[in-house]
Amino acid sequence: MTEYEEKLLKNIEEHGCQVTHVFDNETDTRFSYSIGIFECTGEPELIVTGLKRELALWIINEYNRRVTEGEHFDIDTLYSGFLDGFKVMFKDFDPELYADYLGSCLWLYEGKDFDAYQLIWPSTKGLWPWDKDASEEYLDAMPKLYLD
């Protein structure tokens, strides 16, 4: 077992999950995702795209805290408490994309036998990725990784 894998398992045991950040460059996080939430709670793992590392980390930890306390989140339902002033929703992450985005989850679960959500957040104008007026910049930050 590698040092990373040992640290991952220790963080899951101590905190209920590990958060991994995948970077585009030195300053921005391309996406962040949880590892271990499904194992500890039976609730889906979570991937957050297009937000800065600190905010994505906070959102995933808040999601972990809430599901650990027994809260359940349904897809296509608006929820508050994750982004100040904005509601968010969850969508089923496409299992066909697990290998491209959730590598450490594949290692932990020894395959695709787990569930994952993509957090969907609105643009600052209140638009969603499926709205026709959504900007290209927003759509780049919020790629469609979810099932319809």
C-alpha atoms as a PDB file:
ATOM      1  CA  MET A   1       0.000   0.000   0.000  1.00  0.00           C
ATOM      2  CA  THR A   2       1.322   3.434  -0.905  1.00  0.00           C
ATOM      3  CA  GLU A   3       1.722   6.332   1.534  1.00  0.00           C
ATOM      4  CA  TYR A   4      -1.184   8.107  -0.213  1.00  0.00           C
ATOM      5  CA  GLU A   5      -3.448   5.072   0.200  1.00  0.00           C
ATOM      6  CA  GLU A   6      -2.524   4.760   3.886  1.00  0.00           C
ATOM      7  CA  LYS A   7      -3.304   8.465   4.440  1.00  0.00           C
ATOM      8  CA  LEU A   8      -6.569   8.106   2.540  1.00  0.00           C
ATOM      9  CA  LEU A   9      -7.714   5.194   4.716  1.00  0.00           C
ATOM     10  CA  LYS A  10      -6.670   7.012   7.904  1.00  0.00           C
ATOM     11  CA  ASN A  11      -8.650  10.135   6.911  1.00  0.00           C
ATOM     12  CA  ILE A  12     -11.716   8.037   6.077  1.00  0.00           C
ATOM     13  CA  GLU A  13     -11.477   6.337   9.472  1.00  0.00           C
ATOM     14  CA  GLU A  14     -10.991   9.632  11.351  1.00  0.00           C
ATOM     15  CA  HIS A  15     -13.225  11.996   9.340  1.00  0.00           C
ATOM     16  CA  GLY A  16     -15.590   9.827   7.313  1.00  0.00           C
ATOM     17  CA  CYS A  17     -13.965  10.790   4.019  1.00  0.00           C
ATOM     18  CA  GLN A  18     -10.909  12.038   2.179  1.00  0.00           C
ATOM     19  CA  VAL A  19     -11.196  14.965  -0.232  1.00  0.00           C
ATOM     20  CA  THR A  20      -9.047  14.946  -3.353  1.00  0.00           C
ATOM     21  CA  HIS A  21      -8.476  18.042  -5.485  1.00  0.00           C
ATOM     22  CA  VAL A  22      -7.504  17.798  -9.149  1.00  0.00           C
ATOM     23  CA  PHE A  23      -5.867  20.933 -10.516  1.00  0.00           C
ATOM     24  CA  ASP A  24      -5.920  22.641 -13.906  1.00  0.00           C
ATOM     25  CA  ASN A  25      -3.069  24.928 -12.935  1.00  0.00           C
ATOM     26  CA  GLU A  26      -1.329  26.144  -9.799  1.00  0.00           C
ATOM     27  CA  THR A  27      -4.130  28.415  -8.587  1.00  0.00           C
ATOM     28  CA  ASP A  28      -7.476  26.917  -9.579  1.00  0.00           C
ATOM     29  CA  THR A  29      -9.068  23.581  -8.754  1.00  0.00           C
ATOM     30  CA  ARG A  30     -10.637  21.847 -11.713  1.00  0.00           C
ATOM     31  CA  PHE A  31     -12.657  19.542  -9.497  1.00  0.00           C
ATOM     32  CA  SER A  32     -12.730  18.056  -6.014  1.00  0.00           C
ATOM     33  CA  TYR A  33     -14.321  14.843  -4.837  1.00  0.00           C
ATOM     34  CA  SER A  34     -14.944  12.774  -1.744  1.00  0.00           C
ATOM     35  CA  ILE A  35     -13.661   9.287  -1.096  1.00  0.00           C
ATOM     36  CA  GLY A  36     -15.234   7.163   1.639  1.00  0.00           C
ATOM     37  CA  ILE A  37     -18.640   8.768   2.232  1.00  0.00           C
ATOM     38  CA  PHE A  38     -20.410   5.865   0.530  1.00  0.00           C
ATOM     39  CA  GLU A  39     -18.449   3.367   2.627  1.00  0.00           C
ATOM     40  CA  CYS A  40     -19.184   5.176   5.905  1.00  0.00           C
ATOM     41  CA  THR A  41     -22.804   6.249   5.365  1.00  0.00           C
ATOM     42  CA  GLY A  42     -24.166   4.492   2.279  1.00  0.00           C
ATOM     43  CA  GLU A  43     -24.802   7.932   0.758  1.00  0.00           C
ATOM     44  CA  PRO A  44     -23.255   8.900  -2.603  1.00  0.00           C
ATOM     45  CA  GLU A  45     -19.770  10.303  -2.960  1.00  0.00           C
ATOM     46  CA  LEU A  46     -19.699  13.942  -4.101  1.00  0.00           C
ATOM     47  CA  ILE A  47     -17.845  15.719  -6.896  1.00  0.00           C
ATOM     48  CA  VAL A  48     -17.703  19.527  -7.061  1.00  0.00           C
ATOM     49  CA  THR A  49     -16.493  21.211 -10.242  1.00  0.00           C
ATOM     50  CA  GLY A  50     -15.446  24.761 -11.026  1.00  0.00           C
ATOM     51  CA  LEU A  51     -15.118  26.150  -7.502  1.00  0.00           C
ATOM     52  CA  LYS A  52     -11.973  27.187  -5.662  1.00  0.00           C
ATOM     53  CA  ARG A  53     -10.311  24.520  -3.567  1.00  0.00           C
ATOM     54  CA  GLU A  54     -11.289  25.993  -0.172  1.00  0.00           C
ATOM     55  CA  LEU A  55     -14.957  26.341  -1.103  1.00  0.00           C
ATOM     56  CA  ALA A  56     -15.130  22.871  -2.678  1.00  0.00           C
ATOM     57  CA  LEU A  57     -13.482  21.397   0.433  1.00  0.00           C
ATOM     58  CA  TRP A  58     -15.978  23.161   2.701  1.00  0.00           C
ATOM     59  CA  ILE A  59     -18.959  21.982   0.593  1.00  0.00           C
ATOM     60  CA  ILE A  60     -17.814  18.356   0.573  1.00  0.00           C
ATOM     61  CA  ASN A  61     -17.134  18.421   4.314  1.00  0.00           C
ATOM     62  CA  GLU A  62     -20.558  20.003   4.944  1.00  0.00           C
ATOM     63  CA  TYR A  63     -22.211  17.339   2.784  1.00  0.00           C
ATOM     64  CA  ASN A  64     -20.281  14.660   4.716  1.00  0.00           C
ATOM     65  CA  ARG A  65     -21.330  16.168   8.052  1.00  0.00           C
ATOM     66  CA  ARG A  66     -24.969  16.301   7.041  1.00  0.00           C
ATOM     67  CA  VAL A  67     -25.176  12.751   5.648  1.00  0.00           C
ATOM     68  CA  THR A  68     -23.259  11.434   8.675  1.00  0.00           C
ATOM     69  CA  GLU A  69     -25.977  13.015  10.833  1.00  0.00           C
ATOM     70  CA  GLY A  70     -28.603  11.136   8.806  1.00  0.00           C
ATOM     71  CA  GLU A  71     -29.695  13.697   6.224  1.00  0.00           C
ATOM     72  CA  HIS A  72     -30.451  12.327   2.762  1.00  0.00           C
ATOM     73  CA  PHE A  73     -30.265  14.349  -0.443  1.00  0.00           C
ATOM     74  CA  ASP A  74     -32.423  13.557  -3.467  1.00  0.00           C
ATOM     75  CA  ILE A  75     -31.491  14.420  -7.030  1.00  0.00           C
ATOM     76  CA  ASP A  76     -33.202  17.372  -8.747  1.00  0.00           C
ATOM     77  CA  THR A  77     -34.197  18.956  -5.430  1.00  0.00           C
ATOM     78  CA  LEU A  78     -33.002  22.382  -4.288  1.00  0.00           C
ATOM     79  CA  TYR A  79     -31.023  22.569  -1.032  1.00  0.00           C
ATOM     80  CA  SER A  80     -29.608  25.475   0.909  1.00  0.00           C
ATOM     81  CA  GLY A  81     -26.695  25.687   3.299  1.00  0.00           C
ATOM     82  CA  PHE A  82     -23.914  24.920   0.804  1.00  0.00           C
ATOM     83  CA  LEU A  83     -23.414  28.259  -1.012  1.00  0.00           C
ATOM     84  CA  ASP A  84     -24.295  31.577   0.599  1.00  0.00           C
ATOM     85  CA  GLY A  85     -27.279  33.113  -1.164  1.00  0.00           C
ATOM     86  CA  PHE A  86     -27.768  30.226  -3.606  1.00  0.00           C
ATOM     87  CA  LYS A  87     -29.513  26.902  -3.545  1.00  0.00           C
ATOM     88  CA  VAL A  88     -27.806  23.883  -5.090  1.00  0.00           C
ATOM     89  CA  MET A  89     -28.953  20.521  -6.333  1.00  0.00           C
ATOM     90  CA  PHE A  90     -27.480  17.090  -6.786  1.00  0.00           C
ATOM     91  CA  LYS A  91     -27.458  14.949  -9.923  1.00  0.00           C
ATOM     92  CA  ASP A  92     -26.430  11.315 -10.341  1.00  0.00           C
ATOM     93  CA  PHE A  93     -22.842  11.254 -11.573  1.00  0.00           C
ATOM     94  CA  ASP A  94     -22.492   9.208 -14.758  1.00  0.00           C
ATOM     95  CA  PRO A  95     -20.788   5.885 -13.851  1.00  0.00           C
ATOM     96  CA  GLU A  96     -19.243   5.819 -17.335  1.00  0.00           C
ATOM     97  CA  LEU A  97     -17.114   8.797 -16.196  1.00  0.00           C
ATOM     98  CA  TYR A  98     -15.929   7.298 -12.887  1.00  0.00           C
ATOM     99  CA  ALA A  99     -12.536   6.303 -14.324  1.00  0.00           C
ATOM    100  CA  ASP A 100     -11.944   9.834 -15.664  1.00  0.00           C
ATOM    101  CA  TYR A 101     -12.804  11.627 -12.418  1.00  0.00           C
ATOM    102  CA  LEU A 102     -13.044   9.329  -9.390  1.00  0.00           C
ATOM    103  CA  GLY A 103      -9.875   7.253  -9.543  1.00  0.00           C
ATOM    104  CA  SER A 104      -9.328   6.952  -5.806  1.00  0.00           C
ATOM    105  CA  CYS A 105     -12.951   5.856  -5.322  1.00  0.00           C
ATOM    106  CA  LEU A 106     -12.409   3.116  -7.888  1.00  0.00           C
ATOM    107  CA  TRP A 107      -9.384   1.992  -5.856  1.00  0.00           C
ATOM    108  CA  LEU A 108     -11.241   2.077  -2.513  1.00  0.00           C
ATOM    109  CA  TYR A 109     -14.335   0.246  -3.771  1.00  0.00           C
ATOM    110  CA  GLU A 110     -12.364  -2.014  -6.109  1.00  0.00           C
ATOM    111  CA  GLY A 111     -14.548  -1.000  -9.035  1.00  0.00           C
ATOM    112  CA  LYS A 112     -17.707   0.951  -9.812  1.00  0.00           C
ATOM    113  CA  ASP A 113     -19.922  -0.499  -7.075  1.00  0.00           C
ATOM    114  CA  PHE A 114     -20.715   2.853  -5.416  1.00  0.00           C
ATOM    115  CA  ASP A 115     -22.918   5.883  -6.047  1.00  0.00           C
ATOM    116  CA  ALA A 116     -21.796   9.453  -6.654  1.00  0.00           C
ATOM    117  CA  TYR A 117     -23.461  12.836  -7.083  1.00  0.00           C
ATOM    118  CA  GLN A 118     -22.335  15.913  -8.951  1.00  0.00           C
ATOM    119  CA  LEU A 119     -23.102  19.123  -7.092  1.00  0.00           C
ATOM    120  CA  ILE A 120     -24.888  21.534  -9.416  1.00  0.00           C
ATOM    121  CA  TRP A 121     -24.654  25.198  -8.479  1.00  0.00           C
ATOM    122  CA  PRO A 122     -26.230  28.111 -10.351  1.00  0.00           C
ATOM    123  CA  SER A 123     -24.353  30.933 -12.035  1.00  0.00           C
ATOM    124  CA  THR A 124     -24.219  34.290 -10.232  1.00  0.00           C
ATOM    125  CA  LYS A 125     -27.143  35.274 -12.479  1.00  0.00           C
ATOM    126  CA  GLY A 126     -29.160  32.333 -11.151  1.00  0.00           C
ATOM    127  CA  LEU A 127     -28.885  30.280 -14.335  1.00  0.00           C
ATOM    128  CA  TRP A 128     -28.432  26.511 -14.405  1.00  0.00           C
ATOM    129  CA  PRO A 129     -26.355  24.527 -16.924  1.00  0.00           C
ATOM    130  CA  TRP A 130     -29.474  23.569 -18.888  1.00  0.00           C
ATOM    131  CA  ASP A 131     -30.632  27.200 -19.270  1.00  0.00           C
ATOM    132  CA  LYS A 132     -30.140  28.473 -22.820  1.00  0.00           C
ATOM    133  CA  ASP A 133     -28.577  31.751 -21.631  1.00  0.00           C
ATOM    134  CA  ALA A 134     -25.910  30.069 -19.497  1.00  0.00           C
ATOM    135  CA  SER A 135     -22.499  31.520 -20.394  1.00  0.00           C
ATOM    136  CA  GLU A 136     -19.666  29.446 -21.867  1.00  0.00           C
ATOM    137  CA  GLU A 137     -17.475  30.348 -18.874  1.00  0.00           C
ATOM    138  CA  TYR A 138     -20.082  28.957 -16.482  1.00  0.00           C
ATOM    139  CA  LEU A 139     -20.587  25.825 -18.601  1.00  0.00           C
ATOM    140  CA  ASP A 140     -16.818  25.247 -18.628  1.00  0.00           C
ATOM    141  CA  ALA A 141     -16.869  25.349 -14.818  1.00  0.00           C
ATOM    142  CA  MET A 142     -19.983  23.144 -14.661  1.00  0.00           C
ATOM    143  CA  PRO A 143     -19.453  20.345 -17.190  1.00  0.00           C
ATOM    144  CA  LYS A 144     -22.278  17.866 -17.673  1.00  0.00           C
ATOM    145  CA  LEU A 145     -20.982  14.817 -15.810  1.00  0.00           C
ATOM    146  CA  TYR A 146     -24.426  13.729 -14.660  1.00  0.00           C
ATOM    147  CA  LEU A 147     -27.172  11.523 -15.975  1.00  0.00           C
ATOM    148  CA  ASP A 148     -30.350  13.159 -17.272  1.00  0.00           C
END
